[in-house]
Amino acid sequence: MDFFLITDIIGLIAFSISGFLIAVEYKLDLLGTLISVFSTALLGGIIRDTIAGNTPFAFTHIYPSAVVITIFVITYVTNIYKKHDIEHHKSFVFVDAIGLASFSITGALVGINEGLNLFGVIFLSSITAIGGGMFRDMLLNAKPVFLDRGFYMSVAFVISIIVVTLNYFSYINDLSLICVFAFGLMLRMIAYTRKWGLPRL
């Protein structure tokens, strides 16, 4: 199993949980919750693959939908979503950060594989990481997270630049990408804990 697949599955799991918790926060019904989970977990990758000129992974492989449905059922059955003050609890931020770091890496790898320049890689990395959550927030008539939390989308920027740099020096391998993932996760959590943000106008 290659690192891209592992990272993609980790991101799917994390964003499926994130989408479920947000749905509970907004008191959506079962169908609304399912839409929130699927859009958060899959839509970023669908947009990424479409822009790259490929048939989306979610339409050609069984594992994306299987992972999302499995996490949906497990989260619902175990009632873990009732145990915390969801969106503002550090456990939610941690789960969301896992998805952010994972999908930032997969988006960057797709961009590199397609031979895109730095801007293209950064864009694909960012849209993979935030696309699903952005669509979900728009459906809920809420301000997208990446527009209001200064060090959210910035993490995707940093990760994509690091991956491009590693590729330039031919240092992309499982170990280096694991380090990038750990760094991105740590950066997001430190930014959340210390309330880092970009300047506001």
C-alpha atoms as a PDB file:
ATOM      1  CA  MET A   1       0.000   0.000   0.000  1.00  0.00           C
ATOM      2  CA  ASP A   2       1.640   3.259  -1.110  1.00  0.00           C
ATOM      3  CA  PHE A   3       1.890   6.389   0.996  1.00  0.00           C
ATOM      4  CA  PHE A   4      -0.587   8.324  -1.157  1.00  0.00           C
ATOM      5  CA  LEU A   5      -3.289   5.748  -0.463  1.00  0.00           C
ATOM      6  CA  ILE A   6      -2.533   5.662   3.269  1.00  0.00           C
ATOM      7  CA  THR A   7      -2.596   9.457   3.506  1.00  0.00           C
ATOM      8  CA  ASP A   8      -5.818   9.621   1.514  1.00  0.00           C
ATOM      9  CA  ILE A   9      -7.536   7.125   3.811  1.00  0.00           C
ATOM     10  CA  ILE A  10      -6.345   9.003   6.908  1.00  0.00           C
ATOM     11  CA  GLY A  11      -7.748  12.226   5.456  1.00  0.00           C
ATOM     12  CA  LEU A  12     -11.052  10.537   4.579  1.00  0.00           C
ATOM     13  CA  ILE A  13     -11.437   9.214   8.118  1.00  0.00           C
ATOM     14  CA  ALA A  14     -10.588  12.540   9.732  1.00  0.00           C
ATOM     15  CA  PHE A  15     -12.810  14.684   7.518  1.00  0.00           C
ATOM     16  CA  SER A  16     -15.685  12.188   7.740  1.00  0.00           C
ATOM     17  CA  ILE A  17     -15.648  12.608  11.522  1.00  0.00           C
ATOM     18  CA  SER A  18     -15.281  16.380  11.129  1.00  0.00           C
ATOM     19  CA  GLY A  19     -18.264  16.554   8.761  1.00  0.00           C
ATOM     20  CA  PHE A  20     -20.353  14.449  11.146  1.00  0.00           C
ATOM     21  CA  LEU A  21     -19.546  16.633  14.153  1.00  0.00           C
ATOM     22  CA  ILE A  22     -20.391  19.820  12.272  1.00  0.00           C
ATOM     23  CA  ALA A  23     -23.703  18.286  11.195  1.00  0.00           C
ATOM     24  CA  VAL A  24     -24.524  17.538  14.826  1.00  0.00           C
ATOM     25  CA  GLU A  25     -23.548  21.083  15.798  1.00  0.00           C
ATOM     26  CA  TYR A  26     -26.062  22.431  13.263  1.00  0.00           C
ATOM     27  CA  LYS A  27     -28.698  19.839  14.264  1.00  0.00           C
ATOM     28  CA  LEU A  28     -29.063  18.386  10.763  1.00  0.00           C
ATOM     29  CA  ASP A  29     -31.264  15.363  10.108  1.00  0.00           C
ATOM     30  CA  LEU A  30     -29.882  12.004   8.984  1.00  0.00           C
ATOM     31  CA  LEU A  31     -29.772  12.917   5.286  1.00  0.00           C
ATOM     32  CA  GLY A  32     -28.241  16.323   6.020  1.00  0.00           C
ATOM     33  CA  THR A  33     -25.607  14.646   8.174  1.00  0.00           C
ATOM     34  CA  LEU A  34     -24.786  12.169   5.413  1.00  0.00           C
ATOM     35  CA  ILE A  35     -24.419  15.017   2.898  1.00  0.00           C
ATOM     36  CA  SER A  36     -22.181  16.913   5.329  1.00  0.00           C
ATOM     37  CA  VAL A  37     -19.974  13.855   5.850  1.00  0.00           C
ATOM     38  CA  PHE A  38     -19.663  13.011   2.142  1.00  0.00           C
ATOM     39  CA  SER A  39     -19.044  16.597   1.011  1.00  0.00           C
ATOM     40  CA  THR A  40     -16.434  17.260   3.710  1.00  0.00           C
ATOM     41  CA  ALA A  41     -14.559  14.039   3.018  1.00  0.00           C
ATOM     42  CA  LEU A  42     -14.837  13.682  -0.752  1.00  0.00           C
ATOM     43  CA  LEU A  43     -15.535  16.958  -2.485  1.00  0.00           C
ATOM     44  CA  GLY A  44     -12.036  18.425  -2.136  1.00  0.00           C
ATOM     45  CA  GLY A  45     -10.549  15.399  -3.884  1.00  0.00           C
ATOM     46  CA  ILE A  46     -13.260  15.464  -6.560  1.00  0.00           C
ATOM     47  CA  ILE A  47     -12.509  19.124  -7.337  1.00  0.00           C
ATOM     48  CA  ARG A  48      -8.759  18.400  -7.328  1.00  0.00           C
ATOM     49  CA  ASP A  49      -9.007  15.502  -9.766  1.00  0.00           C
ATOM     50  CA  THR A  50     -11.397  17.401 -12.033  1.00  0.00           C
ATOM     51  CA  ILE A  51      -9.012  20.368 -12.256  1.00  0.00           C
ATOM     52  CA  ALA A  52      -6.123  17.974 -12.935  1.00  0.00           C
ATOM     53  CA  GLY A  53      -8.111  16.473 -15.825  1.00  0.00           C
ATOM     54  CA  ASN A  54      -8.594  13.084 -14.184  1.00  0.00           C
ATOM     55  CA  THR A  55     -11.685  11.087 -13.321  1.00  0.00           C
ATOM     56  CA  PRO A  56     -12.148  11.649  -9.563  1.00  0.00           C
ATOM     57  CA  PHE A  57     -10.862   8.881  -7.291  1.00  0.00           C
ATOM     58  CA  ALA A  58     -14.247   8.809  -5.566  1.00  0.00           C
ATOM     59  CA  PHE A  59     -15.852   7.692  -8.847  1.00  0.00           C
ATOM     60  CA  THR A  60     -13.320   5.040  -9.858  1.00  0.00           C
ATOM     61  CA  HIS A  61     -12.294   3.448  -6.532  1.00  0.00           C
ATOM     62  CA  ILE A  62     -14.528   1.805  -3.951  1.00  0.00           C
ATOM     63  CA  TYR A  63     -12.461   2.689  -0.876  1.00  0.00           C
ATOM     64  CA  PRO A  64     -13.350   6.420  -0.572  1.00  0.00           C
ATOM     65  CA  SER A  65     -17.093   5.803  -0.253  1.00  0.00           C
ATOM     66  CA  ALA A  66     -16.516   2.657   1.806  1.00  0.00           C
ATOM     67  CA  VAL A  67     -14.344   4.538   4.300  1.00  0.00           C
ATOM     68  CA  VAL A  68     -16.811   7.434   4.581  1.00  0.00           C
ATOM     69  CA  ILE A  69     -19.836   5.155   5.102  1.00  0.00           C
ATOM     70  CA  THR A  70     -17.934   3.039   7.651  1.00  0.00           C
ATOM     71  CA  ILE A  71     -16.908   6.088   9.696  1.00  0.00           C
ATOM     72  CA  PHE A  72     -20.448   7.483   9.455  1.00  0.00           C
ATOM     73  CA  VAL A  73     -21.909   4.273  10.890  1.00  0.00           C
ATOM     74  CA  ILE A  74     -19.251   3.927  13.607  1.00  0.00           C
ATOM     75  CA  THR A  75     -19.613   7.557  14.691  1.00  0.00           C
ATOM     76  CA  TYR A  76     -23.404   7.268  14.797  1.00  0.00           C
ATOM     77  CA  VAL A  77     -23.519   3.942  16.627  1.00  0.00           C
ATOM     78  CA  THR A  78     -20.897   4.800  19.261  1.00  0.00           C
ATOM     79  CA  ASN A  79     -22.443   8.204  20.076  1.00  0.00           C
ATOM     80  CA  ILE A  80     -18.995   9.768  20.471  1.00  0.00           C
ATOM     81  CA  TYR A  81     -20.397  12.969  18.970  1.00  0.00           C
ATOM     82  CA  LYS A  82     -22.452  13.554  22.137  1.00  0.00           C
ATOM     83  CA  LYS A  83     -19.481  13.692  24.464  1.00  0.00           C
ATOM     84  CA  HIS A  84     -18.004  17.138  23.740  1.00  0.00           C
ATOM     85  CA  ASP A  85     -18.738  20.741  22.877  1.00  0.00           C
ATOM     86  CA  ILE A  86     -17.971  19.750  19.324  1.00  0.00           C
ATOM     87  CA  GLU A  87     -16.552  22.540  17.150  1.00  0.00           C
ATOM     88  CA  HIS A  88     -14.658  24.376  19.883  1.00  0.00           C
ATOM     89  CA  HIS A  89     -13.239  21.302  21.565  1.00  0.00           C
ATOM     90  CA  LYS A  90      -9.577  20.536  21.003  1.00  0.00           C
ATOM     91  CA  SER A  91     -10.374  16.953  19.966  1.00  0.00           C
ATOM     92  CA  PHE A  92     -12.418  18.274  17.020  1.00  0.00           C
ATOM     93  CA  VAL A  93      -9.614  20.628  16.000  1.00  0.00           C
ATOM     94  CA  PHE A  94      -7.126  17.734  16.208  1.00  0.00           C
ATOM     95  CA  VAL A  95      -9.249  15.471  14.002  1.00  0.00           C
ATOM     96  CA  ASP A  96      -9.770  18.296  11.507  1.00  0.00           C
ATOM     97  CA  ALA A  97      -6.020  19.037  11.538  1.00  0.00           C
ATOM     98  CA  ILE A  98      -5.282  15.415  10.634  1.00  0.00           C
ATOM     99  CA  GLY A  99      -7.518  15.737   7.583  1.00  0.00           C
ATOM    100  CA  LEU A 100      -5.996  19.096   6.690  1.00  0.00           C
ATOM    101  CA  ALA A 101      -2.415  17.781   6.774  1.00  0.00           C
ATOM    102  CA  SER A 102      -3.276  14.531   4.985  1.00  0.00           C
ATOM    103  CA  PHE A 103      -5.203  16.095   2.117  1.00  0.00           C
ATOM    104  CA  SER A 104      -2.663  18.900   1.719  1.00  0.00           C
ATOM    105  CA  ILE A 105      -0.034  16.246   1.042  1.00  0.00           C
ATOM    106  CA  THR A 106      -2.190  14.220  -1.372  1.00  0.00           C
ATOM    107  CA  GLY A 107      -3.144  17.372  -3.279  1.00  0.00           C
ATOM    108  CA  ALA A 108       0.493  18.407  -3.572  1.00  0.00           C
ATOM    109  CA  LEU A 109       1.514  14.942  -4.787  1.00  0.00           C
ATOM    110  CA  VAL A 110      -1.178  14.984  -7.472  1.00  0.00           C
ATOM    111  CA  GLY A 111      -0.016  18.432  -8.607  1.00  0.00           C
ATOM    112  CA  ILE A 112       3.594  17.267  -8.834  1.00  0.00           C
ATOM    113  CA  ASN A 113       2.572  14.096 -10.670  1.00  0.00           C
ATOM    114  CA  GLU A 114       0.688  16.238 -13.206  1.00  0.00           C
ATOM    115  CA  GLY A 115       3.789  18.378 -13.768  1.00  0.00           C
ATOM    116  CA  LEU A 116       2.219  21.595 -12.463  1.00  0.00           C
ATOM    117  CA  ASN A 117       4.264  24.617 -11.429  1.00  0.00           C
ATOM    118  CA  LEU A 118       4.504  25.880  -7.838  1.00  0.00           C
ATOM    119  CA  PHE A 119       1.257  27.845  -8.054  1.00  0.00           C
ATOM    120  CA  GLY A 120      -0.579  24.837  -9.479  1.00  0.00           C
ATOM    121  CA  VAL A 121       0.707  22.520  -6.757  1.00  0.00           C
ATOM    122  CA  ILE A 122      -0.221  25.003  -4.012  1.00  0.00           C
ATOM    123  CA  PHE A 123      -3.692  25.437  -5.511  1.00  0.00           C
ATOM    124  CA  LEU A 124      -4.366  21.700  -5.808  1.00  0.00           C
ATOM    125  CA  SER A 125      -3.032  21.108  -2.296  1.00  0.00           C
ATOM    126  CA  SER A 126      -5.232  23.855  -0.859  1.00  0.00           C
ATOM    127  CA  ILE A 127      -8.413  22.924  -2.728  1.00  0.00           C
ATOM    128  CA  THR A 128      -8.004  19.270  -1.695  1.00  0.00           C
ATOM    129  CA  ALA A 129      -7.657  20.311   1.942  1.00  0.00           C
ATOM    130  CA  ILE A 130     -10.395  22.958   2.125  1.00  0.00           C
ATOM    131  CA  GLY A 131     -12.726  22.231  -0.805  1.00  0.00           C
ATOM    132  CA  GLY A 132     -15.045  19.825   1.004  1.00  0.00           C
ATOM    133  CA  GLY A 133     -15.274  21.921   4.160  1.00  0.00           C
ATOM    134  CA  MET A 134     -15.815  25.078   2.116  1.00  0.00           C
ATOM    135  CA  PHE A 135     -18.770  23.526   0.260  1.00  0.00           C
ATOM    136  CA  ARG A 136     -20.202  22.193   3.528  1.00  0.00           C
ATOM    137  CA  ASP A 137     -20.002  25.611   5.169  1.00  0.00           C
ATOM    138  CA  MET A 138     -21.665  27.228   2.156  1.00  0.00           C
ATOM    139  CA  LEU A 139     -24.534  24.734   2.410  1.00  0.00           C
ATOM    140  CA  LEU A 140     -24.906  25.638   6.075  1.00  0.00           C
ATOM    141  CA  ASN A 141     -24.786  29.365   5.279  1.00  0.00           C
ATOM    142  CA  ALA A 142     -21.706  29.684   7.494  1.00  0.00           C
ATOM    143  CA  LYS A 143     -18.471  31.554   6.918  1.00  0.00           C
ATOM    144  CA  PRO A 144     -15.914  29.064   5.513  1.00  0.00           C
ATOM    145  CA  VAL A 145     -13.336  28.160   8.144  1.00  0.00           C
ATOM    146  CA  PHE A 146     -10.331  29.057   5.995  1.00  0.00           C
ATOM    147  CA  LEU A 147     -11.538  32.683   5.607  1.00  0.00           C
ATOM    148  CA  ASP A 148     -11.696  33.337   9.322  1.00  0.00           C
ATOM    149  CA  ARG A 149      -9.029  31.223  10.977  1.00  0.00           C
ATOM    150  CA  GLY A 150      -5.738  32.700   9.909  1.00  0.00           C
ATOM    151  CA  PHE A 151      -3.542  29.630  10.182  1.00  0.00           C
ATOM    152  CA  TYR A 152      -5.826  27.091   8.542  1.00  0.00           C
ATOM    153  CA  MET A 153      -5.285  27.386   4.809  1.00  0.00           C
ATOM    154  CA  SER A 154      -1.767  28.625   5.579  1.00  0.00           C
ATOM    155  CA  VAL A 155      -0.914  25.099   6.730  1.00  0.00           C
ATOM    156  CA  ALA A 156      -1.791  23.769   3.270  1.00  0.00           C
ATOM    157  CA  PHE A 157       0.401  26.474   1.715  1.00  0.00           C
ATOM    158  CA  VAL A 158       3.364  25.520   3.908  1.00  0.00           C
ATOM    159  CA  ILE A 159       2.942  21.784   3.340  1.00  0.00           C
ATOM    160  CA  SER A 160       2.698  22.152  -0.438  1.00  0.00           C
ATOM    161  CA  ILE A 161       5.848  24.303  -0.588  1.00  0.00           C
ATOM    162  CA  ILE A 162       7.747  21.762   1.526  1.00  0.00           C
ATOM    163  CA  VAL A 163       6.605  18.877  -0.707  1.00  0.00           C
ATOM    164  CA  VAL A 164       7.634  20.790  -3.849  1.00  0.00           C
ATOM    165  CA  THR A 165      11.029  21.482  -2.290  1.00  0.00           C
ATOM    166  CA  LEU A 166      11.480  17.814  -1.379  1.00  0.00           C
ATOM    167  CA  ASN A 167      10.562  16.831  -4.917  1.00  0.00           C
ATOM    168  CA  TYR A 168      13.060  19.325  -6.370  1.00  0.00           C
ATOM    169  CA  PHE A 169      15.868  17.678  -4.407  1.00  0.00           C
ATOM    170  CA  SER A 170      14.481  14.158  -5.064  1.00  0.00           C
ATOM    171  CA  TYR A 171      13.828  13.569  -1.367  1.00  0.00           C
ATOM    172  CA  ILE A 172      10.208  12.466  -1.590  1.00  0.00           C
ATOM    173  CA  ASN A 173       9.800   9.136   0.181  1.00  0.00           C
ATOM    174  CA  ASP A 174       7.593   7.647   2.885  1.00  0.00           C
ATOM    175  CA  LEU A 175       9.775   8.888   5.743  1.00  0.00           C
ATOM    176  CA  SER A 176      10.029  12.458   4.473  1.00  0.00           C
ATOM    177  CA  LEU A 177       6.269  12.647   3.853  1.00  0.00           C
ATOM    178  CA  ILE A 178       5.536  11.261   7.324  1.00  0.00           C
ATOM    179  CA  CYS A 179       7.709  14.071   8.709  1.00  0.00           C
ATOM    180  CA  VAL A 180       5.809  16.617   6.599  1.00  0.00           C
ATOM    181  CA  PHE A 181       2.514  15.233   7.889  1.00  0.00           C
ATOM    182  CA  ALA A 182       3.694  15.411  11.508  1.00  0.00           C
ATOM    183  CA  PHE A 183       4.985  18.955  10.992  1.00  0.00           C
ATOM    184  CA  GLY A 184       1.723  20.114   9.395  1.00  0.00           C
ATOM    185  CA  LEU A 185      -0.329  18.577  12.205  1.00  0.00           C
ATOM    186  CA  MET A 186       1.907  20.143  14.843  1.00  0.00           C
ATOM    187  CA  LEU A 187       1.809  23.539  13.109  1.00  0.00           C
ATOM    188  CA  ARG A 188      -1.995  23.554  12.997  1.00  0.00           C
ATOM    189  CA  MET A 189      -2.335  22.558  16.661  1.00  0.00           C
ATOM    190  CA  ILE A 190       0.250  25.090  17.848  1.00  0.00           C
ATOM    191  CA  ALA A 191      -1.476  27.799  15.799  1.00  0.00           C
ATOM    192  CA  TYR A 192      -4.812  26.848  17.381  1.00  0.00           C
ATOM    193  CA  THR A 193      -3.426  26.663  20.919  1.00  0.00           C
ATOM    194  CA  ARG A 194      -1.546  29.960  20.677  1.00  0.00           C
ATOM    195  CA  LYS A 195      -4.282  31.611  18.596  1.00  0.00           C
ATOM    196  CA  TRP A 196      -1.948  32.479  15.731  1.00  0.00           C
ATOM    197  CA  GLY A 197      -3.528  34.222  12.809  1.00  0.00           C
ATOM    198  CA  LEU A 198      -2.821  36.399   9.809  1.00  0.00           C
ATOM    199  CA  PRO A 199      -3.308  40.189  10.104  1.00  0.00           C
ATOM    200  CA  ARG A 200      -6.888  41.387   9.733  1.00  0.00           C
ATOM    201  CA  LEU A 201      -7.772  44.413   7.674  1.00  0.00           C
END
